[in-house]
């Protein structure tokens, strides 16, 4: 009896599914970069918030669009998604790195204040956000 089957060997050769986190897809669309979803689908889900934070700290206009999206969420449902909360925290930690001064432009004091406010905003699950949106209708 063989413990190795041809079907199992074929299953191991299949590429990963590359499913993209919907929060990431929404954020990419909000900053005007939906075409990057293909690239982000190769980033492990646990790392997408850090990767997106790295993207927006290098593109100040994208950071402002992302913050505007999150500020609208805070206004409409009283918080931001857990993923967006992670992005804000990662972005702040990138700006705090000593090496960041050489690679990214420091945001304006008003943008930094906005980002801090978002990092301090309540982090909500998708279910909580959906329920709050449905109640407001």
N, C-alpha and C. Protein backbone atom coordinates (compact mmCIF):
# COMPACT_ATOMS: atom_id res chain seq x y z
N UNK A 1 0.84 -1.17 0.00
CA UNK A 1 0.00 0.00 0.00
C UNK A 1 0.89 1.25 0.00
N UNK A 2 0.58 2.19 -0.86
CA UNK A 2 1.39 3.39 -1.02
C UNK A 2 0.76 4.55 -0.24
N UNK A 3 1.56 5.22 0.58
CA UNK A 3 1.06 6.36 1.36
C UNK A 3 1.05 7.63 0.54
N UNK A 4 1.62 7.58 -0.63
CA UNK A 4 1.72 8.75 -1.50
C UNK A 4 0.81 8.54 -2.69
N UNK A 5 -0.17 9.40 -2.88
CA UNK A 5 -1.08 9.22 -4.01
C UNK A 5 -0.84 10.31 -5.05
N UNK A 6 -1.07 9.98 -6.33
CA UNK A 6 -0.92 10.99 -7.38
C UNK A 6 -1.86 12.19 -7.18
N UNK A 7 -3.07 11.96 -6.65
CA UNK A 7 -4.02 13.05 -6.43
C UNK A 7 -3.48 14.02 -5.37
N UNK A 8 -2.87 13.48 -4.33
CA UNK A 8 -2.31 14.34 -3.29
C UNK A 8 -1.15 15.16 -3.84
N UNK A 9 -0.35 14.56 -4.71
CA UNK A 9 0.78 15.28 -5.32
C UNK A 9 0.28 16.43 -6.18
N UNK A 10 -0.81 16.20 -6.94
CA UNK A 10 -1.35 17.27 -7.78
C UNK A 10 -1.92 18.40 -6.91
N UNK A 11 -2.56 18.06 -5.80
CA UNK A 11 -3.12 19.08 -4.92
C UNK A 11 -2.03 19.97 -4.34
N UNK A 12 -0.86 19.41 -4.07
CA UNK A 12 0.23 20.19 -3.53
C UNK A 12 0.82 21.14 -4.55
N UNK A 13 0.65 20.85 -5.83
CA UNK A 13 1.20 21.68 -6.89
C UNK A 13 0.32 22.88 -7.22
N UNK A 14 -0.91 22.93 -6.68
CA UNK A 14 -1.82 24.02 -6.99
C UNK A 14 -1.33 25.31 -6.32
N UNK A 15 -1.46 26.42 -7.00
CA UNK A 15 -1.04 27.70 -6.40
C UNK A 15 -2.02 28.09 -5.30
N UNK A 16 -1.58 28.96 -4.37
CA UNK A 16 -2.50 29.45 -3.35
C UNK A 16 -3.64 30.23 -3.99
N UNK A 17 -4.75 30.39 -3.27
CA UNK A 17 -5.94 31.00 -3.86
C UNK A 17 -5.83 32.52 -4.03
N UNK A 18 -4.97 33.19 -3.29
CA UNK A 18 -4.76 34.63 -3.42
C UNK A 18 -6.05 35.41 -3.24
N UNK A 19 -6.75 35.13 -2.16
CA UNK A 19 -7.97 35.86 -1.85
C UNK A 19 -7.59 37.14 -1.12
N UNK A 20 -8.16 38.24 -1.55
CA UNK A 20 -7.83 39.54 -0.98
C UNK A 20 -8.86 39.93 0.07
N UNK A 21 -8.38 40.42 1.19
CA UNK A 21 -9.21 40.93 2.27
C UNK A 21 -10.08 42.06 1.72
N UNK A 22 -11.39 42.02 1.99
CA UNK A 22 -12.28 43.05 1.45
C UNK A 22 -11.99 44.43 2.01
N UNK A 23 -11.49 44.50 3.24
CA UNK A 23 -11.10 45.81 3.79
C UNK A 23 -9.96 46.40 2.97
N UNK A 24 -9.04 45.56 2.57
CA UNK A 24 -7.91 46.02 1.75
C UNK A 24 -8.41 46.49 0.39
N UNK A 25 -9.30 45.72 -0.20
CA UNK A 25 -9.84 46.10 -1.51
C UNK A 25 -10.58 47.43 -1.42
N UNK A 26 -11.37 47.62 -0.37
CA UNK A 26 -12.09 48.88 -0.18
C UNK A 26 -11.11 50.05 -0.01
N UNK A 27 -10.05 49.82 0.75
CA UNK A 27 -9.05 50.88 0.98
C UNK A 27 -8.32 51.22 -0.32
N UNK A 28 -7.97 50.20 -1.09
CA UNK A 28 -7.29 50.45 -2.36
C UNK A 28 -8.18 51.27 -3.30
N UNK A 29 -9.46 50.95 -3.33
CA UNK A 29 -10.39 51.71 -4.17
C UNK A 29 -10.53 53.14 -3.65
N UNK A 30 -10.55 53.30 -2.33
CA UNK A 30 -10.72 54.63 -1.74
C UNK A 30 -9.55 55.55 -2.06
N UNK A 31 -8.35 54.98 -2.18
CA UNK A 31 -7.18 55.82 -2.47
C UNK A 31 -6.89 55.90 -3.96
N UNK A 32 -7.76 55.30 -4.77
CA UNK A 32 -7.60 55.38 -6.22
C UNK A 32 -6.58 54.42 -6.80
N UNK A 33 -6.32 53.32 -6.09
CA UNK A 33 -5.33 52.35 -6.55
C UNK A 33 -5.91 50.93 -6.64
N UNK A 34 -7.11 50.75 -7.19
CA UNK A 34 -7.70 49.40 -7.22
C UNK A 34 -6.88 48.41 -8.05
N UNK A 35 -6.08 48.93 -8.98
CA UNK A 35 -5.28 48.03 -9.81
C UNK A 35 -4.19 47.32 -9.00
N UNK A 36 -3.89 47.80 -7.81
CA UNK A 36 -2.90 47.15 -6.95
C UNK A 36 -3.47 45.94 -6.22
N UNK A 37 -4.75 45.67 -6.39
CA UNK A 37 -5.36 44.53 -5.70
C UNK A 37 -4.70 43.22 -6.12
N UNK A 38 -4.25 43.13 -7.36
CA UNK A 38 -3.56 41.92 -7.81
C UNK A 38 -2.25 41.71 -7.05
N UNK A 39 -1.52 42.78 -6.83
CA UNK A 39 -0.27 42.70 -6.07
C UNK A 39 -0.57 42.34 -4.62
N UNK A 40 -1.55 43.01 -4.03
CA UNK A 40 -1.89 42.76 -2.63
C UNK A 40 -2.43 41.36 -2.40
N UNK A 41 -2.97 40.71 -3.44
CA UNK A 41 -3.47 39.35 -3.26
C UNK A 41 -2.34 38.37 -2.98
N UNK A 42 -1.11 38.74 -3.26
CA UNK A 42 0.04 37.89 -2.96
C UNK A 42 0.60 38.13 -1.55
N UNK A 43 0.13 39.18 -0.90
CA UNK A 43 0.58 39.49 0.46
C UNK A 43 -0.27 38.65 1.43
N UNK A 44 0.36 37.94 2.36
CA UNK A 44 -0.44 37.18 3.34
C UNK A 44 -1.42 38.09 4.06
N UNK A 45 -2.61 37.59 4.31
CA UNK A 45 -3.67 38.40 4.90
C UNK A 45 -3.22 39.11 6.18
N UNK A 46 -2.44 38.43 7.00
CA UNK A 46 -1.98 39.03 8.26
C UNK A 46 -1.08 40.24 8.03
N UNK A 47 -0.51 40.37 6.84
CA UNK A 47 0.42 41.46 6.55
C UNK A 47 -0.16 42.56 5.67
N UNK A 48 -1.41 42.44 5.25
CA UNK A 48 -1.95 43.42 4.31
C UNK A 48 -2.09 44.81 4.93
N UNK A 49 -2.44 44.90 6.21
CA UNK A 49 -2.57 46.21 6.84
C UNK A 49 -1.22 46.92 6.89
N UNK A 50 -0.17 46.19 7.24
CA UNK A 50 1.17 46.79 7.28
C UNK A 50 1.62 47.19 5.88
N UNK A 51 1.34 46.36 4.88
CA UNK A 51 1.72 46.67 3.51
C UNK A 51 0.97 47.90 3.00
N UNK A 52 -0.32 47.99 3.32
CA UNK A 52 -1.09 49.15 2.89
C UNK A 52 -0.60 50.41 3.59
N UNK A 53 -0.27 50.30 4.88
CA UNK A 53 0.27 51.45 5.61
C UNK A 53 1.55 51.93 4.95
N UNK A 54 2.39 50.99 4.53
CA UNK A 54 3.63 51.36 3.85
C UNK A 54 3.33 52.10 2.55
N UNK A 55 2.30 51.66 1.84
CA UNK A 55 1.90 52.34 0.60
C UNK A 55 1.47 53.78 0.88
N UNK A 56 0.59 53.97 1.86
CA UNK A 56 0.05 55.32 2.06
C UNK A 56 1.04 56.28 2.71
N UNK A 57 2.00 55.79 3.48
CA UNK A 57 2.98 56.73 4.04
C UNK A 57 3.92 57.24 2.96
N UNK A 58 4.03 56.52 1.85
CA UNK A 58 4.86 56.97 0.74
C UNK A 58 4.09 57.81 -0.27
N UNK A 59 2.77 57.88 -0.10
CA UNK A 59 1.93 58.66 -1.00
C UNK A 59 0.99 59.55 -0.17
N UNK A 60 1.41 60.75 0.16
CA UNK A 60 0.60 61.62 1.02
C UNK A 60 -0.84 61.83 0.54
N UNK A 61 -1.06 61.92 -0.76
CA UNK A 61 -2.43 62.10 -1.26
C UNK A 61 -3.27 60.85 -0.97
N UNK A 62 -2.67 59.67 -1.08
CA UNK A 62 -3.38 58.43 -0.77
C UNK A 62 -3.70 58.37 0.72
N UNK A 63 -2.77 58.81 1.55
CA UNK A 63 -3.02 58.83 2.99
C UNK A 63 -4.21 59.73 3.32
N UNK A 64 -4.28 60.88 2.70
CA UNK A 64 -5.40 61.80 2.97
C UNK A 64 -6.73 61.20 2.50
N UNK A 65 -6.73 60.51 1.37
CA UNK A 65 -7.96 59.86 0.89
C UNK A 65 -8.38 58.74 1.84
N UNK A 66 -7.40 57.97 2.32
CA UNK A 66 -7.69 56.89 3.27
C UNK A 66 -8.27 57.48 4.56
N UNK A 67 -7.67 58.55 5.05
CA UNK A 67 -8.17 59.16 6.29
C UNK A 67 -9.57 59.72 6.09
N UNK A 68 -9.85 60.29 4.92
CA UNK A 68 -11.19 60.82 4.65
C UNK A 68 -12.23 59.70 4.67
N UNK A 69 -11.87 58.55 4.10
CA UNK A 69 -12.78 57.39 4.12
C UNK A 69 -13.06 56.97 5.55
N UNK A 70 -12.01 56.89 6.36
CA UNK A 70 -12.18 56.46 7.75
C UNK A 70 -12.93 57.50 8.57
N UNK A 71 -12.68 58.78 8.32
CA UNK A 71 -13.41 59.82 9.05
C UNK A 71 -14.90 59.75 8.73
N UNK A 72 -15.24 59.41 7.50
CA UNK A 72 -16.65 59.23 7.13
C UNK A 72 -17.24 58.05 7.88
N UNK A 73 -16.46 56.99 8.06
CA UNK A 73 -16.94 55.83 8.83
C UNK A 73 -17.15 56.21 10.30
N UNK A 74 -16.22 56.97 10.85
CA UNK A 74 -16.37 57.40 12.25
C UNK A 74 -17.65 58.21 12.39
N UNK A 75 -17.90 59.09 11.45
CA UNK A 75 -19.09 59.94 11.50
C UNK A 75 -20.37 59.11 11.34
N UNK A 76 -20.35 58.13 10.43
CA UNK A 76 -21.59 57.41 10.14
C UNK A 76 -21.86 56.23 11.09
N UNK A 77 -20.81 55.54 11.55
CA UNK A 77 -21.04 54.36 12.39
C UNK A 77 -20.33 54.41 13.74
N UNK A 78 -19.58 55.46 13.98
CA UNK A 78 -18.94 55.61 15.28
C UNK A 78 -17.62 54.88 15.45
N UNK A 79 -17.01 54.48 14.35
CA UNK A 79 -15.72 53.81 14.44
C UNK A 79 -15.22 53.41 13.07
N UNK A 80 -14.10 52.70 13.06
CA UNK A 80 -13.50 52.22 11.81
C UNK A 80 -13.30 50.72 11.93
N UNK A 81 -13.06 50.08 10.81
CA UNK A 81 -12.85 48.63 10.83
C UNK A 81 -11.56 48.30 11.58
N UNK A 82 -11.50 47.09 12.07
CA UNK A 82 -10.31 46.64 12.78
C UNK A 82 -9.09 46.71 11.87
N UNK A 83 -9.29 46.37 10.59
CA UNK A 83 -8.19 46.41 9.63
C UNK A 83 -7.71 47.85 9.43
N UNK A 84 -8.64 48.79 9.25
CA UNK A 84 -8.27 50.20 9.09
C UNK A 84 -7.58 50.73 10.34
N UNK A 85 -8.02 50.28 11.49
CA UNK A 85 -7.38 50.67 12.75
C UNK A 85 -5.92 50.20 12.76
N UNK A 86 -5.69 48.99 12.29
CA UNK A 86 -4.32 48.46 12.19
C UNK A 86 -3.48 49.28 11.22
N UNK A 87 -4.07 49.68 10.10
CA UNK A 87 -3.36 50.50 9.12
C UNK A 87 -2.91 51.81 9.76
N UNK A 88 -3.82 52.47 10.49
CA UNK A 88 -3.49 53.74 11.13
C UNK A 88 -2.36 53.55 12.14
N UNK A 89 -2.43 52.47 12.92
CA UNK A 89 -1.38 52.21 13.92
C UNK A 89 -0.04 51.91 13.24
N UNK A 90 -0.06 51.12 12.18
CA UNK A 90 1.18 50.83 11.44
C UNK A 90 1.76 52.10 10.83
N UNK A 91 0.91 52.94 10.25
CA UNK A 91 1.40 54.18 9.64
C UNK A 91 2.07 55.07 10.69
N UNK A 92 1.45 55.19 11.85
CA UNK A 92 2.05 55.98 12.91
C UNK A 92 3.39 55.40 13.35
N UNK A 93 3.46 54.07 13.41
CA UNK A 93 4.73 53.45 13.82
C UNK A 93 5.81 53.64 12.76
N UNK A 94 5.43 53.66 11.50
CA UNK A 94 6.41 53.91 10.44
C UNK A 94 6.94 55.34 10.56
N UNK A 95 6.03 56.30 10.75
CA UNK A 95 6.46 57.69 10.90
C UNK A 95 7.36 57.89 12.12
N UNK A 96 7.20 57.06 13.14
CA UNK A 96 7.99 57.19 14.37
C UNK A 96 9.40 56.60 14.24
N UNK A 97 9.63 55.81 13.20
CA UNK A 97 10.96 55.21 13.02
C UNK A 97 11.99 56.26 12.66
N UNK A 98 13.17 56.21 13.25
CA UNK A 98 14.21 57.18 12.89
C UNK A 98 14.59 57.11 11.41
N UNK A 99 14.59 55.92 10.83
CA UNK A 99 14.95 55.76 9.42
C UNK A 99 13.89 56.33 8.49
N UNK A 100 12.68 56.53 8.99
CA UNK A 100 11.60 57.04 8.14
C UNK A 100 11.90 58.44 7.61
N UNK A 101 12.64 59.22 8.35
CA UNK A 101 12.94 60.59 7.91
C UNK A 101 13.66 60.60 6.57
N UNK A 102 14.41 59.55 6.27
CA UNK A 102 15.16 59.49 5.02
C UNK A 102 14.34 58.92 3.87
N UNK A 103 13.22 58.24 4.19
CA UNK A 103 12.49 57.55 3.11
C UNK A 103 11.08 58.05 2.87
N UNK A 104 10.49 58.71 3.87
CA UNK A 104 9.12 59.21 3.68
C UNK A 104 9.05 60.67 4.11
N UNK A 105 8.17 61.40 3.47
CA UNK A 105 7.94 62.78 3.87
C UNK A 105 7.09 62.79 5.13
N UNK A 106 7.48 63.58 6.10
CA UNK A 106 6.70 63.70 7.33
C UNK A 106 5.38 64.37 7.00
N UNK A 107 4.27 63.81 7.51
CA UNK A 107 2.98 64.44 7.22
C UNK A 107 2.85 65.78 7.94
N UNK A 108 1.94 66.58 7.46
CA UNK A 108 1.68 67.86 8.14
C UNK A 108 1.16 67.58 9.53
N UNK A 109 1.25 68.57 10.39
CA UNK A 109 0.79 68.37 11.77
C UNK A 109 -0.72 68.08 11.80
N UNK A 110 -1.47 68.68 10.88
CA UNK A 110 -2.92 68.40 10.85
C UNK A 110 -3.19 66.97 10.39
N UNK A 111 -2.43 66.47 9.39
CA UNK A 111 -2.60 65.09 8.94
C UNK A 111 -2.19 64.11 10.04
N UNK A 112 -1.12 64.43 10.75
CA UNK A 112 -0.67 63.57 11.84
C UNK A 112 -1.71 63.54 12.96
N UNK A 113 -2.33 64.67 13.22
CA UNK A 113 -3.38 64.74 14.24
C UNK A 113 -4.58 63.91 13.81
N UNK A 114 -4.96 64.00 12.53
CA UNK A 114 -6.07 63.19 12.00
C UNK A 114 -5.77 61.71 12.11
N UNK A 115 -4.55 61.32 11.77
CA UNK A 115 -4.15 59.91 11.83
C UNK A 115 -4.17 59.40 13.27
N UNK A 116 -3.69 60.21 14.20
CA UNK A 116 -3.75 59.84 15.61
C UNK A 116 -5.19 59.66 16.07
N UNK A 117 -6.08 60.53 15.63
CA UNK A 117 -7.49 60.41 16.01
C UNK A 117 -8.09 59.12 15.47
N UNK A 118 -7.71 58.74 14.26
CA UNK A 118 -8.22 57.50 13.69
C UNK A 118 -7.67 56.28 14.42
N UNK A 119 -6.40 56.34 14.81
CA UNK A 119 -5.81 55.23 15.56
C UNK A 119 -6.48 55.08 16.93
N UNK A 120 -7.03 56.18 17.44
CA UNK A 120 -7.71 56.15 18.74
C UNK A 120 -9.21 55.88 18.60
N UNK A 121 -9.73 55.87 17.39
CA UNK A 121 -11.16 55.63 17.16
C UNK A 121 -11.50 54.18 17.50
N UNK A 122 -12.75 53.94 17.89
CA UNK A 122 -13.14 52.56 18.17
C UNK A 122 -12.95 51.66 16.94
N UNK A 123 -12.41 50.48 17.17
CA UNK A 123 -12.23 49.49 16.10
C UNK A 123 -13.45 48.56 16.12
N UNK A 124 -14.15 48.51 15.01
CA UNK A 124 -15.38 47.73 14.92
C UNK A 124 -15.21 46.55 13.97
N UNK A 125 -15.94 45.48 14.25
CA UNK A 125 -15.94 44.35 13.32
C UNK A 125 -16.83 44.71 12.13
N UNK A 126 -16.69 43.96 11.06
CA UNK A 126 -17.52 44.19 9.88
C UNK A 126 -19.00 44.04 10.23
N UNK A 127 -19.31 43.07 11.08
CA UNK A 127 -20.69 42.85 11.48
C UNK A 127 -21.24 44.06 12.24
N UNK A 128 -20.43 44.63 13.15
CA UNK A 128 -20.87 45.81 13.89
C UNK A 128 -21.09 46.99 12.96
N UNK A 129 -20.18 47.19 12.02
CA UNK A 129 -20.31 48.32 11.09
C UNK A 129 -21.57 48.16 10.22
N UNK A 130 -21.81 46.94 9.73
CA UNK A 130 -22.98 46.68 8.90
C UNK A 130 -24.26 46.90 9.68
N UNK A 131 -24.30 46.41 10.92
CA UNK A 131 -25.49 46.57 11.75
C UNK A 131 -25.75 48.05 12.02
N UNK A 132 -24.72 48.82 12.30
CA UNK A 132 -24.91 50.24 12.57
C UNK A 132 -25.34 51.00 11.32
N UNK A 133 -24.84 50.60 10.17
CA UNK A 133 -25.27 51.24 8.92
C UNK A 133 -26.73 50.94 8.65
N UNK A 134 -27.16 49.70 8.94
CA UNK A 134 -28.55 49.32 8.69
C UNK A 134 -29.50 50.03 9.64
N UNK A 135 -29.08 50.32 10.87
CA UNK A 135 -29.91 51.02 11.83
C UNK A 135 -30.12 52.47 11.40
N UNK A 136 -29.10 53.07 10.80
CA UNK A 136 -29.14 54.49 10.41
C UNK A 136 -30.06 54.73 9.21
N UNK A 137 -30.41 53.68 8.48
CA UNK A 137 -31.24 53.86 7.28
C UNK A 137 -32.62 54.25 7.59
